Amino acid sequence: MCLSIPSQVVELHDDGNVTVDTMGVKRTVSCHLLDEALEIGDYVLIHIGFVMNKIDKAAALESLELYKEIVEKLEAEENA
């Protein structure tokens, strides 16, 4: 099973790659498997270093809020 956290495109590169921000972590990933063009600010899902698809901003933000809640609850349990 694979868990993909929405990532926001923060930089476009001439070589077909983009830099994304995934909950504060930035990394460069490939767009070579994606048929549509990306723009800065788009949200994408990534699998093993490749953008698999572009997703709706509202859905991405909703998912990110849920992930933040999960992280906060896990951290609270660790500190209890």
PDB file of N, CA and C in Angstrom:
ATOM      1  N   MET A   1       0.842  -1.171   0.000  1.00  0.00           N
ATOM      2  CA  MET A   1       0.000   0.000   0.000  1.00  0.00           C
ATOM      3  C   MET A   1       0.887   1.234   0.000  1.00  0.00           C
ATOM      4  N   CYS A   2       0.480   2.220  -0.765  1.00  0.00           N
ATOM      5  CA  CYS A   2       1.261   3.438  -0.876  1.00  0.00           C
ATOM      6  C   CYS A   2       0.432   4.616  -0.380  1.00  0.00           C
ATOM      7  N   LEU A   3       1.033   5.451   0.419  1.00  0.00           N
ATOM      8  CA  LEU A   3       0.387   6.658   0.920  1.00  0.00           C
ATOM      9  C   LEU A   3       1.017   7.841   0.216  1.00  0.00           C
ATOM     10  N   SER A   4       0.216   8.626  -0.467  1.00  0.00           N
ATOM     11  CA  SER A   4       0.732   9.779  -1.187  1.00  0.00           C
ATOM     12  C   SER A   4       0.142  11.052  -0.601  1.00  0.00           C
ATOM     13  N   ILE A   5       1.001  11.901  -0.097  1.00  0.00           N
ATOM     14  CA  ILE A   5       0.591  13.168   0.488  1.00  0.00           C
ATOM     15  C   ILE A   5       0.633  14.230  -0.604  1.00  0.00           C
ATOM     16  N   PRO A   6      -0.418  15.043  -0.727  1.00  0.00           N
ATOM     17  CA  PRO A   6      -0.390  16.097  -1.738  1.00  0.00           C
ATOM     18  C   PRO A   6       0.838  16.994  -1.581  1.00  0.00           C
ATOM     19  N   SER A   7       1.451  17.313  -2.708  1.00  0.00           N
ATOM     20  CA  SER A   7       2.641  18.156  -2.732  1.00  0.00           C
ATOM     21  C   SER A   7       2.380  19.328  -3.663  1.00  0.00           C
ATOM     22  N   GLN A   8       2.878  20.502  -3.261  1.00  0.00           N
ATOM     23  CA  GLN A   8       2.673  21.697  -4.074  1.00  0.00           C
ATOM     24  C   GLN A   8       3.909  21.999  -4.910  1.00  0.00           C
ATOM     25  N   VAL A   9       3.694  22.265  -6.185  1.00  0.00           N
ATOM     26  CA  VAL A   9       4.789  22.622  -7.089  1.00  0.00           C
ATOM     27  C   VAL A   9       5.284  24.018  -6.713  1.00  0.00           C
ATOM     28  N   VAL A  10       6.593  24.120  -6.430  1.00  0.00           N
ATOM     29  CA  VAL A  10       7.169  25.414  -6.046  1.00  0.00           C
ATOM     30  C   VAL A  10       8.222  25.914  -7.026  1.00  0.00           C
ATOM     31  N   GLU A  11       8.675  25.031  -7.925  1.00  0.00           N
ATOM     32  CA  GLU A  11       9.669  25.445  -8.917  1.00  0.00           C
ATOM     33  C   GLU A  11       9.598  24.520 -10.126  1.00  0.00           C
ATOM     34  N   LEU A  12       9.695  25.118 -11.324  1.00  0.00           N
ATOM     35  CA  LEU A  12       9.709  24.359 -12.572  1.00  0.00           C
ATOM     36  C   LEU A  12      11.135  24.318 -13.105  1.00  0.00           C
ATOM     37  N   HIS A  13      11.543  23.181 -13.666  1.00  0.00           N
ATOM     38  CA  HIS A  13      12.886  23.037 -14.219  1.00  0.00           C
ATOM     39  C   HIS A  13      12.789  22.713 -15.708  1.00  0.00           C
ATOM     40  N   ASP A  14      13.774  23.125 -16.476  1.00  0.00           N
ATOM     41  CA  ASP A  14      13.786  22.914 -17.929  1.00  0.00           C
ATOM     42  C   ASP A  14      13.924  21.448 -18.325  1.00  0.00           C
ATOM     43  N   ASP A  15      14.384  20.603 -17.416  1.00  0.00           N
ATOM     44  CA  ASP A  15      14.644  19.198 -17.750  1.00  0.00           C
ATOM     45  C   ASP A  15      13.443  18.273 -17.534  1.00  0.00           C
ATOM     46  N   GLY A  16      12.265  18.835 -17.298  1.00  0.00           N
ATOM     47  CA  GLY A  16      11.081  18.005 -17.089  1.00  0.00           C
ATOM     48  C   GLY A  16      10.847  17.640 -15.644  1.00  0.00           C
ATOM     49  N   ASN A  17      11.597  18.236 -14.760  1.00  0.00           N
ATOM     50  CA  ASN A  17      11.423  18.007 -13.337  1.00  0.00           C
ATOM     51  C   ASN A  17      10.792  19.233 -12.685  1.00  0.00           C
ATOM     52  N   VAL A  18      10.256  19.038 -11.498  1.00  0.00           N
ATOM     53  CA  VAL A  18       9.742  20.138 -10.690  1.00  0.00           C
ATOM     54  C   VAL A  18      10.213  19.959  -9.258  1.00  0.00           C
ATOM     55  N   THR A  19      10.291  21.041  -8.532  1.00  0.00           N
ATOM     56  CA  THR A  19      10.525  20.964  -7.094  1.00  0.00           C
ATOM     57  C   THR A  19       9.170  21.122  -6.421  1.00  0.00           C
ATOM     58  N   VAL A  20       8.902  20.232  -5.470  1.00  0.00           N
ATOM     59  CA  VAL A  20       7.638  20.260  -4.745  1.00  0.00           C
ATOM     60  C   VAL A  20       7.891  20.436  -3.259  1.00  0.00           C
ATOM     61  N   ASP A  21       6.872  20.932  -2.587  1.00  0.00           N
ATOM     62  CA  ASP A  21       6.891  21.073  -1.133  1.00  0.00           C
ATOM     63  C   ASP A  21       5.843  20.123  -0.580  1.00  0.00           C
ATOM     64  N   THR A  22       6.301  19.172   0.224  1.00  0.00           N
ATOM     65  CA  THR A  22       5.415  18.199   0.857  1.00  0.00           C
ATOM     66  C   THR A  22       5.459  18.431   2.360  1.00  0.00           C
ATOM     67  N   MET A  23       4.508  19.186   2.865  1.00  0.00           N
ATOM     68  CA  MET A  23       4.426  19.499   4.295  1.00  0.00           C
ATOM     69  C   MET A  23       5.753  20.045   4.828  1.00  0.00           C
ATOM     70  N   GLY A  24       6.350  20.961   4.071  1.00  0.00           N
ATOM     71  CA  GLY A  24       7.575  21.615   4.504  1.00  0.00           C
ATOM     72  C   GLY A  24       8.863  20.988   4.009  1.00  0.00           C
ATOM     73  N   VAL A  25       8.780  19.835   3.392  1.00  0.00           N
ATOM     74  CA  VAL A  25       9.960  19.155   2.861  1.00  0.00           C
ATOM     75  C   VAL A  25       9.991  19.356   1.354  1.00  0.00           C
ATOM     76  N   LYS A  26      11.084  19.931   0.851  1.00  0.00           N
ATOM     77  CA  LYS A  26      11.205  20.179  -0.579  1.00  0.00           C
ATOM     78  C   LYS A  26      12.086  19.124  -1.221  1.00  0.00           C
ATOM     79  N   ARG A  27      11.661  18.699  -2.428  1.00  0.00           N
ATOM     80  CA  ARG A  27      12.453  17.735  -3.193  1.00  0.00           C
ATOM     81  C   ARG A  27      12.113  17.885  -4.671  1.00  0.00           C
ATOM     82  N   THR A  28      13.032  17.439  -5.497  1.00  0.00           N
ATOM     83  CA  THR A  28      12.842  17.495  -6.934  1.00  0.00           C
ATOM     84  C   THR A  28      12.344  16.145  -7.420  1.00  0.00           C
ATOM     85  N   VAL A  29      11.295  16.174  -8.248  1.00  0.00           N
ATOM     86  CA  VAL A  29      10.690  14.955  -8.776  1.00  0.00           C
ATOM     87  C   VAL A  29      10.492  15.095 -10.287  1.00  0.00           C
ATOM     88  N   SER A  30      10.291  13.983 -10.948  1.00  0.00           N
ATOM     89  CA  SER A  30      10.146  13.955 -12.398  1.00  0.00           C
ATOM     90  C   SER A  30       8.686  14.091 -12.822  1.00  0.00           C
ATOM     91  N   CYS A  31       8.474  14.798 -13.927  1.00  0.00           N
ATOM     92  CA  CYS A  31       7.139  14.927 -14.537  1.00  0.00           C
ATOM     93  C   CYS A  31       7.034  14.131 -15.826  1.00  0.00           C
ATOM     94  N   HIS A  32       8.000  13.279 -16.094  1.00  0.00           N
ATOM     95  CA  HIS A  32       8.046  12.564 -17.364  1.00  0.00           C
ATOM     96  C   HIS A  32       6.886  11.598 -17.587  1.00  0.00           C
ATOM     97  N   LEU A  33       6.163  11.211 -16.554  1.00  0.00           N
ATOM     98  CA  LEU A  33       5.020  10.308 -16.712  1.00  0.00           C
ATOM     99  C   LEU A  33       3.690  11.059 -16.793  1.00  0.00           C
ATOM    100  N   LEU A  34       3.739  12.377 -16.688  1.00  0.00           N
ATOM    101  CA  LEU A  34       2.521  13.188 -16.685  1.00  0.00           C
ATOM    102  C   LEU A  34       2.300  13.801 -18.061  1.00  0.00           C
ATOM    103  N   ASP A  35       1.070  13.724 -18.550  1.00  0.00           N
ATOM    104  CA  ASP A  35       0.746  14.251 -19.878  1.00  0.00           C
ATOM    105  C   ASP A  35       0.442  15.747 -19.883  1.00  0.00           C
ATOM    106  N   GLU A  36       0.067  16.308 -18.747  1.00  0.00           N
ATOM    107  CA  GLU A  36      -0.319  17.717 -18.724  1.00  0.00           C
ATOM    108  C   GLU A  36       0.776  18.588 -18.113  1.00  0.00           C
ATOM    109  N   ALA A  37       0.785  19.841 -18.526  1.00  0.00           N
ATOM    110  CA  ALA A  37       1.775  20.790 -18.009  1.00  0.00           C
ATOM    111  C   ALA A  37       1.411  21.217 -16.589  1.00  0.00           C
ATOM    112  N   LEU A  38       2.435  21.478 -15.798  1.00  0.00           N
ATOM    113  CA  LEU A  38       2.234  21.948 -14.433  1.00  0.00           C
ATOM    114  C   LEU A  38       2.657  23.400 -14.320  1.00  0.00           C
ATOM    115  N   GLU A  39       2.075  24.071 -13.332  1.00  0.00           N
ATOM    116  CA  GLU A  39       2.426  25.444 -13.022  1.00  0.00           C
ATOM    117  C   GLU A  39       2.764  25.544 -11.548  1.00  0.00           C
ATOM    118  N   ILE A  40       3.513  26.560 -11.191  1.00  0.00           N
ATOM    119  CA  ILE A  40       3.799  26.800  -9.781  1.00  0.00           C
ATOM    120  C   ILE A  40       2.476  27.000  -9.056  1.00  0.00           C
ATOM    121  N   GLY A  41       2.343  26.315  -7.927  1.00  0.00           N
ATOM    122  CA  GLY A  41       1.116  26.385  -7.143  1.00  0.00           C
ATOM    123  C   GLY A  41       0.205  25.186  -7.329  1.00  0.00           C
ATOM    124  N   ASP A  42       0.408  24.400  -8.397  1.00  0.00           N
ATOM    125  CA  ASP A  42      -0.389  23.193  -8.603  1.00  0.00           C
ATOM    126  C   ASP A  42      -0.087  22.167  -7.515  1.00  0.00           C
ATOM    127  N   TYR A  43      -1.067  21.309  -7.259  1.00  0.00           N
ATOM    128  CA  TYR A  43      -0.886  20.211  -6.315  1.00  0.00           C
ATOM    129  C   TYR A  43      -0.836  18.901  -7.077  1.00  0.00           C
ATOM    130  N   VAL A  44       0.074  18.028  -6.657  1.00  0.00           N
ATOM    131  CA  VAL A  44       0.284  16.758  -7.335  1.00  0.00           C
ATOM    132  C   VAL A  44       0.427  15.627  -6.322  1.00  0.00           C
ATOM    133  N   LEU A  45       0.266  14.402  -6.824  1.00  0.00           N
ATOM    134  CA  LEU A  45       0.564  13.202  -6.041  1.00  0.00           C
ATOM    135  C   LEU A  45       1.779  12.542  -6.669  1.00  0.00           C
ATOM    136  N   ILE A  46       2.674  12.060  -5.822  1.00  0.00           N
ATOM    137  CA  ILE A  46       3.957  11.520  -6.262  1.00  0.00           C
ATOM    138  C   ILE A  46       4.091  10.069  -5.811  1.00  0.00           C
ATOM    139  N   HIS A  47       4.699   9.264  -6.668  1.00  0.00           N
ATOM    140  CA  HIS A  47       5.028   7.875  -6.324  1.00  0.00           C
ATOM    141  C   HIS A  47       6.440   7.599  -6.816  1.00  0.00           C
ATOM    142  N   ILE A  48       7.275   7.146  -5.949  1.00  0.00           N
ATOM    143  CA  ILE A  48       8.688   6.822  -6.194  1.00  0.00           C
ATOM    144  C   ILE A  48       9.418   7.861  -7.052  1.00  0.00           C
ATOM    145  N   GLY A  49       9.193   9.123  -6.739  1.00  0.00           N
ATOM    146  CA  GLY A  49       9.928  10.192  -7.397  1.00  0.00           C
ATOM    147  C   GLY A  49       9.336  10.693  -8.701  1.00  0.00           C
ATOM    148  N   PHE A  50       8.134  10.205  -9.051  1.00  0.00           N
ATOM    149  CA  PHE A  50       7.464  10.639 -10.273  1.00  0.00           C
ATOM    150  C   PHE A  50       6.104  11.240  -9.939  1.00  0.00           C
ATOM    151  N   VAL A  51       5.774  12.360 -10.579  1.00  0.00           N
ATOM    152  CA  VAL A  51       4.431  12.916 -10.451  1.00  0.00           C
ATOM    153  C   VAL A  51       3.489  11.968 -11.185  1.00  0.00           C
ATOM    154  N   MET A  52       2.476  11.486 -10.469  1.00  0.00           N
ATOM    155  CA  MET A  52       1.521  10.557 -11.074  1.00  0.00           C
ATOM    156  C   MET A  52       0.291  11.283 -11.597  1.00  0.00           C
ATOM    157  N   ASN A  53      -0.162  12.307 -10.871  1.00  0.00           N
ATOM    158  CA  ASN A  53      -1.292  13.075 -11.351  1.00  0.00           C
ATOM    159  C   ASN A  53      -1.395  14.413 -10.615  1.00  0.00           C
ATOM    160  N   LYS A  54      -2.072  15.329 -11.273  1.00  0.00           N
ATOM    161  CA  LYS A  54      -2.372  16.644 -10.711  1.00  0.00           C
ATOM    162  C   LYS A  54      -3.718  16.519 -10.014  1.00  0.00           C
ATOM    163  N   ILE A  55      -3.866  17.170  -8.859  1.00  0.00           N
ATOM    164  CA  ILE A  55      -5.128  17.072  -8.129  1.00  0.00           C
ATOM    165  C   ILE A  55      -5.694  18.461  -7.851  1.00  0.00           C
ATOM    166  N   ASP A  56      -6.964  18.483  -7.556  1.00  0.00           N
ATOM    167  CA  ASP A  56      -7.694  19.705  -7.251  1.00  0.00           C
ATOM    168  C   ASP A  56      -7.155  20.355  -5.976  1.00  0.00           C
ATOM    169  N   LYS A  57      -7.007  21.679  -6.000  1.00  0.00           N
ATOM    170  CA  LYS A  57      -6.455  22.407  -4.853  1.00  0.00           C
ATOM    171  C   LYS A  57      -7.291  22.193  -3.589  1.00  0.00           C
ATOM    172  N   ALA A  58      -8.607  22.258  -3.702  1.00  0.00           N
ATOM    173  CA  ALA A  58      -9.470  22.102  -2.520  1.00  0.00           C
ATOM    174  C   ALA A  58      -9.294  20.717  -1.899  1.00  0.00           C
ATOM    175  N   ALA A  59      -9.241  19.694  -2.727  1.00  0.00           N
ATOM    176  CA  ALA A  59      -9.046  18.330  -2.221  1.00  0.00           C
ATOM    177  C   ALA A  59      -7.673  18.180  -1.583  1.00  0.00           C
ATOM    178  N   ALA A  60      -6.667  18.796  -2.192  1.00  0.00           N
ATOM    179  CA  ALA A  60      -5.310  18.727  -1.645  1.00  0.00           C
ATOM    180  C   ALA A  60      -5.245  19.382  -0.268  1.00  0.00           C
ATOM    181  N   LEU A  61      -5.828  20.573  -0.149  1.00  0.00           N
ATOM    182  CA  LEU A  61      -5.792  21.287   1.136  1.00  0.00           C
ATOM    183  C   LEU A  61      -6.563  20.537   2.215  1.00  0.00           C
ATOM    184  N   GLU A  62      -7.682  19.916   1.841  1.00  0.00           N
ATOM    185  CA  GLU A  62      -8.444  19.117   2.798  1.00  0.00           C
ATOM    186  C   GLU A  62      -7.619  17.927   3.284  1.00  0.00           C
ATOM    187  N   SER A  63      -6.960  17.253   2.363  1.00  0.00           N
ATOM    188  CA  SER A  63      -6.104  16.117   2.735  1.00  0.00           C
ATOM    189  C   SER A  63      -4.963  16.561   3.634  1.00  0.00           C
ATOM    190  N   LEU A  64      -4.334  17.682   3.307  1.00  0.00           N
ATOM    191  CA  LEU A  64      -3.217  18.178   4.121  1.00  0.00           C
ATOM    192  C   LEU A  64      -3.662  18.502   5.542  1.00  0.00           C
ATOM    193  N   GLU A  65      -4.860  19.049   5.702  1.00  0.00           N
ATOM    194  CA  GLU A  65      -5.379  19.323   7.048  1.00  0.00           C
ATOM    195  C   GLU A  65      -5.550  18.029   7.833  1.00  0.00           C
ATOM    196  N   LEU A  66      -6.047  16.988   7.184  1.00  0.00           N
ATOM    197  CA  LEU A  66      -6.215  15.696   7.862  1.00  0.00           C
ATOM    198  C   LEU A  66      -4.861  15.107   8.258  1.00  0.00           C
ATOM    199  N   TYR A  67      -3.871  15.207   7.371  1.00  0.00           N
ATOM    200  CA  TYR A  67      -2.529  14.710   7.702  1.00  0.00           C
ATOM    201  C   TYR A  67      -1.942  15.474   8.881  1.00  0.00           C
ATOM    202  N   LYS A  68      -2.154  16.787   8.924  1.00  0.00           N
ATOM    203  CA  LYS A  68      -1.654  17.590  10.049  1.00  0.00           C
ATOM    204  C   LYS A  68      -2.290  17.151  11.355  1.00  0.00           C
ATOM    205  N   GLU A  69      -3.594  16.874  11.334  1.00  0.00           N
ATOM    206  CA  GLU A  69      -4.281  16.387  12.530  1.00  0.00           C
ATOM    207  C   GLU A  69      -3.688  15.056  12.992  1.00  0.00           C
ATOM    208  N   ILE A  70      -3.429  14.170  12.046  1.00  0.00           N
ATOM    209  CA  ILE A  70      -2.849  12.862  12.389  1.00  0.00           C
ATOM    210  C   ILE A  70      -1.484  13.043  13.031  1.00  0.00           C
ATOM    211  N   VAL A  71      -0.655  13.892  12.445  1.00  0.00           N
ATOM    212  CA  VAL A  71       0.690  14.137  12.986  1.00  0.00           C
ATOM    213  C   VAL A  71       0.598  14.721  14.393  1.00  0.00           C
ATOM    214  N   GLU A  72      -0.293  15.668  14.592  1.00  0.00           N
ATOM    215  CA  GLU A  72      -0.454  16.283  15.929  1.00  0.00           C
ATOM    216  C   GLU A  72      -0.882  15.252  16.958  1.00  0.00           C
ATOM    217  N   LYS A  73      -1.816  14.362  16.606  1.00  0.00           N
ATOM    218  CA  LYS A  73      -2.264  13.339  17.538  1.00  0.00           C
ATOM    219  C   LYS A  73      -1.153  12.339  17.861  1.00  0.00           C
ATOM    220  N   LEU A  74      -0.372  11.963  16.856  1.00  0.00           N
ATOM    221  CA  LEU A  74       0.746  11.052  17.092  1.00  0.00           C
ATOM    222  C   LEU A  74       1.792  11.684  17.990  1.00  0.00           C
ATOM    223  N   GLU A  75       2.083  12.950  17.750  1.00  0.00           N
ATOM    224  CA  GLU A  75       3.059  13.653  18.588  1.00  0.00           C
ATOM    225  C   GLU A  75       2.558  13.788  20.020  1.00  0.00           C
ATOM    226  N   ALA A  76       1.263  14.040  20.199  1.00  0.00           N
ATOM    227  CA  ALA A  76       0.690  14.147  21.540  1.00  0.00           C
ATOM    228  C   ALA A  76       0.785  12.811  22.273  1.00  0.00           C
ATOM    229  N   GLU A  77       0.557  11.704  21.561  1.00  0.00           N
ATOM    230  CA  GLU A  77       0.660  10.387  22.173  1.00  0.00           C
ATOM    231  C   GLU A  77       2.098  10.079  22.588  1.00  0.00           C
ATOM    232  N   GLU A  78       3.065  10.491  21.749  1.00  0.00           N
ATOM    233  CA  GLU A  78       4.479  10.250  22.073  1.00  0.00           C
ATOM    234  C   GLU A  78       4.913  11.046  23.292  1.00  0.00           C
ATOM    235  N   ASN A  79       4.350  12.222  23.484  1.00  0.00           N
ATOM    236  CA  ASN A  79       4.752  13.094  24.580  1.00  0.00           C
ATOM    237  C   ASN A  79       3.941  12.857  25.840  1.00  0.00           C
ATOM    238  N   ALA A  80       2.954  11.953  25.794  1.00  0.00           N
ATOM    239  CA  ALA A  80       2.111  11.690  26.965  1.00  0.00           C
ATOM    240  C   ALA A  80       2.797  10.758  27.942  1.00  0.00           C
TER     241      ALA A  80
END
